[in-house]
Amino acid sequence: MTKTIQQSVKFNASPETLYEMYMDSRKHSASTGAPAKLGRKAGTSFTAFGGMLEGRTLTLVPGEMVVQAWRSGVWRKTDADSILILTFRKDGSAGRVDLAHVNVPEHDHQGVTKGWEKYYWKSWRAYLRTAGK
């Protein structure tokens, strides 16, 4: 098994706003600049980045936590799903997202690690500066 990807990122937004940016299909799409479709119940499937990411939501604690079985379109069919855990909390006057991403295949581990910053955190900051508050 590969090393767990762990990231903690602060934003000038409430934890609830950050949770909605991830879980609301329209806001997810707007904040990343790519089509996404997410369900609001455990067991529902999701896609992001026009289908390049897919999986199913395993557990939700509204406004606080998302747990998903997650995979990239570049992974081999024999690669197991990874598990993504996102928690959303207050950190002083900011909101914080804590990410733990487990079982990412070795051949895409670096890409996924860098991809969170490039495709999510950087895009979220830009979105929050313009439309997201």
C-alpha atoms as a PDB file:
ATOM      1  CA  MET A   1       0.000   0.000   0.000  1.00  0.00           C
ATOM      2  CA  THR A   2       1.212   3.505  -0.796  1.00  0.00           C
ATOM      3  CA  LYS A   3       1.712   6.323   1.670  1.00  0.00           C
ATOM      4  CA  THR A   4      -1.449   8.187   2.679  1.00  0.00           C
ATOM      5  CA  ILE A   5      -1.786  11.626   1.089  1.00  0.00           C
ATOM      6  CA  GLN A   6      -2.466  14.109   3.876  1.00  0.00           C
ATOM      7  CA  GLN A   7      -3.142  17.790   3.342  1.00  0.00           C
ATOM      8  CA  SER A   8      -4.611  20.572   5.493  1.00  0.00           C
ATOM      9  CA  VAL A   9      -5.622  23.753   3.716  1.00  0.00           C
ATOM     10  CA  LYS A  10      -7.101  26.992   5.090  1.00  0.00           C
ATOM     11  CA  PHE A  11      -9.519  29.198   3.179  1.00  0.00           C
ATOM     12  CA  ASN A  12     -11.250  32.504   3.856  1.00  0.00           C
ATOM     13  CA  ALA A  13     -14.632  30.786   4.027  1.00  0.00           C
ATOM     14  CA  SER A  14     -16.695  28.913   6.566  1.00  0.00           C
ATOM     15  CA  PRO A  15     -16.463  25.114   6.830  1.00  0.00           C
ATOM     16  CA  GLU A  16     -20.071  24.938   5.612  1.00  0.00           C
ATOM     17  CA  THR A  17     -19.227  26.973   2.497  1.00  0.00           C
ATOM     18  CA  LEU A  18     -16.276  24.677   1.751  1.00  0.00           C
ATOM     19  CA  TYR A  19     -18.412  21.568   2.267  1.00  0.00           C
ATOM     20  CA  GLU A  20     -21.002  22.927  -0.161  1.00  0.00           C
ATOM     21  CA  MET A  21     -18.311  23.744  -2.725  1.00  0.00           C
ATOM     22  CA  TYR A  22     -17.394  20.070  -2.724  1.00  0.00           C
ATOM     23  CA  MET A  23     -20.839  18.444  -2.408  1.00  0.00           C
ATOM     24  CA  ASP A  24     -23.077  20.726  -4.480  1.00  0.00           C
ATOM     25  CA  SER A  25     -22.751  19.701  -8.143  1.00  0.00           C
ATOM     26  CA  ARG A  26     -23.176  23.237  -9.450  1.00  0.00           C
ATOM     27  CA  LYS A  27     -20.717  24.781  -6.980  1.00  0.00           C
ATOM     28  CA  HIS A  28     -18.214  21.936  -7.437  1.00  0.00           C
ATOM     29  CA  SER A  29     -18.311  22.501 -11.193  1.00  0.00           C
ATOM     30  CA  ALA A  30     -18.030  26.279 -10.858  1.00  0.00           C
ATOM     31  CA  SER A  31     -15.228  26.168  -8.299  1.00  0.00           C
ATOM     32  CA  THR A  32     -13.069  23.721 -10.294  1.00  0.00           C
ATOM     33  CA  GLY A  33     -14.027  24.837 -13.790  1.00  0.00           C
ATOM     34  CA  ALA A  34     -15.013  21.298 -14.810  1.00  0.00           C
ATOM     35  CA  PRO A  35     -18.281  19.322 -14.838  1.00  0.00           C
ATOM     36  CA  ALA A  36     -19.170  17.420 -11.656  1.00  0.00           C
ATOM     37  CA  LYS A  37     -22.206  15.478 -10.480  1.00  0.00           C
ATOM     38  CA  LEU A  38     -22.546  14.498  -6.834  1.00  0.00           C
ATOM     39  CA  GLY A  39     -25.358  12.966  -4.800  1.00  0.00           C
ATOM     40  CA  ARG A  40     -26.306  13.920  -1.258  1.00  0.00           C
ATOM     41  CA  LYS A  41     -26.770  10.414   0.147  1.00  0.00           C
ATOM     42  CA  ALA A  42     -24.411   7.631   1.141  1.00  0.00           C
ATOM     43  CA  GLY A  43     -24.217   5.062  -1.640  1.00  0.00           C
ATOM     44  CA  THR A  44     -24.681   7.534  -4.498  1.00  0.00           C
ATOM     45  CA  SER A  45     -22.147   7.689  -7.292  1.00  0.00           C
ATOM     46  CA  PHE A  46     -20.263  10.814  -8.297  1.00  0.00           C
ATOM     47  CA  THR A  47     -18.184  12.101 -11.174  1.00  0.00           C
ATOM     48  CA  ALA A  48     -15.899  15.112 -11.411  1.00  0.00           C
ATOM     49  CA  PHE A  49     -13.796  16.692 -14.113  1.00  0.00           C
ATOM     50  CA  GLY A  50     -16.139  15.457 -16.813  1.00  0.00           C
ATOM     51  CA  GLY A  51     -15.825  11.840 -15.660  1.00  0.00           C
ATOM     52  CA  MET A  52     -12.049  11.761 -15.149  1.00  0.00           C
ATOM     53  CA  LEU A  53     -12.781  11.153 -11.451  1.00  0.00           C
ATOM     54  CA  GLU A  54     -15.510   8.818 -10.292  1.00  0.00           C
ATOM     55  CA  GLY A  55     -16.655   6.762  -7.387  1.00  0.00           C
ATOM     56  CA  ARG A  56     -19.325   6.631  -4.739  1.00  0.00           C
ATOM     57  CA  THR A  57     -20.004   8.442  -1.533  1.00  0.00           C
ATOM     58  CA  LEU A  58     -19.685   6.135   1.457  1.00  0.00           C
ATOM     59  CA  THR A  59     -20.495   8.456   4.367  1.00  0.00           C
ATOM     60  CA  LEU A  60     -21.609  12.050   4.803  1.00  0.00           C
ATOM     61  CA  VAL A  61     -21.803  14.234   7.889  1.00  0.00           C
ATOM     62  CA  PRO A  62     -23.429  17.366   6.446  1.00  0.00           C
ATOM     63  CA  GLY A  63     -21.188  20.406   6.734  1.00  0.00           C
ATOM     64  CA  GLU A  64     -18.401  18.383   8.358  1.00  0.00           C
ATOM     65  CA  MET A  65     -17.183  15.262   6.543  1.00  0.00           C
ATOM     66  CA  VAL A  66     -17.217  13.382   3.220  1.00  0.00           C
ATOM     67  CA  VAL A  67     -15.911   9.831   2.764  1.00  0.00           C
ATOM     68  CA  GLN A  68     -15.735   8.477  -0.784  1.00  0.00           C
ATOM     69  CA  ALA A  69     -14.487   5.474  -2.710  1.00  0.00           C
ATOM     70  CA  TRP A  70     -12.588   7.407  -5.376  1.00  0.00           C
ATOM     71  CA  ARG A  71     -10.710   6.615  -8.561  1.00  0.00           C
ATOM     72  CA  SER A  72      -9.127   8.369 -11.490  1.00  0.00           C
ATOM     73  CA  GLY A  73      -9.822   7.606 -15.129  1.00  0.00           C
ATOM     74  CA  VAL A  74      -6.096   7.008 -15.670  1.00  0.00           C
ATOM     75  CA  TRP A  75      -5.963   4.143 -13.181  1.00  0.00           C
ATOM     76  CA  ARG A  76      -5.763   0.559 -14.347  1.00  0.00           C
ATOM     77  CA  LYS A  77      -8.873  -1.583 -14.073  1.00  0.00           C
ATOM     78  CA  THR A  78      -6.931  -3.774 -11.650  1.00  0.00           C
ATOM     79  CA  ASP A  79      -6.219  -0.821  -9.316  1.00  0.00           C
ATOM     80  CA  ALA A  80      -8.432  -0.857  -6.247  1.00  0.00           C
ATOM     81  CA  ASP A  81     -10.514   2.193  -5.391  1.00  0.00           C
ATOM     82  CA  SER A  82      -8.855   4.653  -3.064  1.00  0.00           C
ATOM     83  CA  ILE A  83     -10.603   6.072  -0.017  1.00  0.00           C
ATOM     84  CA  LEU A  84     -10.904   9.838   0.320  1.00  0.00           C
ATOM     85  CA  ILE A  85     -11.754  11.454   3.658  1.00  0.00           C
ATOM     86  CA  LEU A  86     -12.409  15.201   3.744  1.00  0.00           C
ATOM     87  CA  THR A  87     -13.204  16.981   6.992  1.00  0.00           C
ATOM     88  CA  PHE A  88     -14.304  20.592   7.194  1.00  0.00           C
ATOM     89  CA  ARG A  89     -13.720  22.648  10.352  1.00  0.00           C
ATOM     90  CA  LYS A  90     -13.240  26.128  11.695  1.00  0.00           C
ATOM     91  CA  ASP A  91      -9.660  27.281  12.246  1.00  0.00           C
ATOM     92  CA  GLY A  92      -9.670  30.694  13.879  1.00  0.00           C
ATOM     93  CA  SER A  93     -11.494  33.020  11.500  1.00  0.00           C
ATOM     94  CA  ALA A  94     -10.859  30.672   8.554  1.00  0.00           C
ATOM     95  CA  GLY A  95     -12.259  27.383   7.392  1.00  0.00           C
ATOM     96  CA  ARG A  96      -9.989  24.376   6.986  1.00  0.00           C
ATOM     97  CA  VAL A  97     -10.166  21.254   4.884  1.00  0.00           C
ATOM     98  CA  ASP A  98      -8.255  18.233   6.155  1.00  0.00           C
ATOM     99  CA  LEU A  99      -7.715  15.578   3.515  1.00  0.00           C
ATOM    100  CA  ALA A 100      -6.610  11.969   3.923  1.00  0.00           C
ATOM    101  CA  HIS A 101      -6.423   9.993   0.687  1.00  0.00           C
ATOM    102  CA  VAL A 102      -5.594   6.313   1.156  1.00  0.00           C
ATOM    103  CA  ASN A 103      -4.624   3.573  -1.329  1.00  0.00           C
ATOM    104  CA  VAL A 104      -3.767   5.788  -4.294  1.00  0.00           C
ATOM    105  CA  PRO A 105      -1.856   3.597  -6.790  1.00  0.00           C
ATOM    106  CA  GLU A 106       1.890   4.161  -6.909  1.00  0.00           C
ATOM    107  CA  HIS A 107       1.821   5.010 -10.625  1.00  0.00           C
ATOM    108  CA  ASP A 108      -0.457   8.028  -9.991  1.00  0.00           C
ATOM    109  CA  HIS A 109       0.437   8.897  -6.381  1.00  0.00           C
ATOM    110  CA  GLN A 110       2.504  11.968  -7.256  1.00  0.00           C
ATOM    111  CA  GLY A 111      -0.085  13.155  -9.784  1.00  0.00           C
ATOM    112  CA  VAL A 112      -2.941  12.886  -7.290  1.00  0.00           C
ATOM    113  CA  THR A 113      -0.892  14.525  -4.533  1.00  0.00           C
ATOM    114  CA  LYS A 114      -0.082  17.519  -6.747  1.00  0.00           C
ATOM    115  CA  GLY A 115      -3.529  17.437  -8.343  1.00  0.00           C
ATOM    116  CA  TRP A 116      -5.314  18.341  -5.109  1.00  0.00           C
ATOM    117  CA  GLU A 117      -3.406  21.622  -4.972  1.00  0.00           C
ATOM    118  CA  LYS A 118      -3.570  22.323  -8.699  1.00  0.00           C
ATOM    119  CA  TYR A 119      -7.169  21.334  -9.470  1.00  0.00           C
ATOM    120  CA  TYR A 120      -8.912  21.945  -6.150  1.00  0.00           C
ATOM    121  CA  TRP A 121      -7.180  24.236  -3.654  1.00  0.00           C
ATOM    122  CA  LYS A 122      -5.861  26.766  -6.189  1.00  0.00           C
ATOM    123  CA  SER A 123      -9.193  26.796  -8.056  1.00  0.00           C
ATOM    124  CA  TRP A 124     -11.154  27.103  -4.810  1.00  0.00           C
ATOM    125  CA  ARG A 125      -9.101  30.136  -3.767  1.00  0.00           C
ATOM    126  CA  ALA A 126      -9.818  31.833  -7.099  1.00  0.00           C
ATOM    127  CA  TYR A 127     -13.521  30.955  -6.876  1.00  0.00           C
ATOM    128  CA  LEU A 128     -13.793  32.310  -3.328  1.00  0.00           C
ATOM    129  CA  ARG A 129     -12.133  35.588  -4.378  1.00  0.00           C
ATOM    130  CA  THR A 130     -14.755  36.141  -7.072  1.00  0.00           C
ATOM    131  CA  ALA A 131     -18.073  34.340  -6.673  1.00  0.00           C
ATOM    132  CA  GLY A 132     -17.991  31.960  -3.780  1.00  0.00           C
ATOM    133  CA  LYS A 133     -18.404  34.020  -0.629  1.00  0.00           C
END
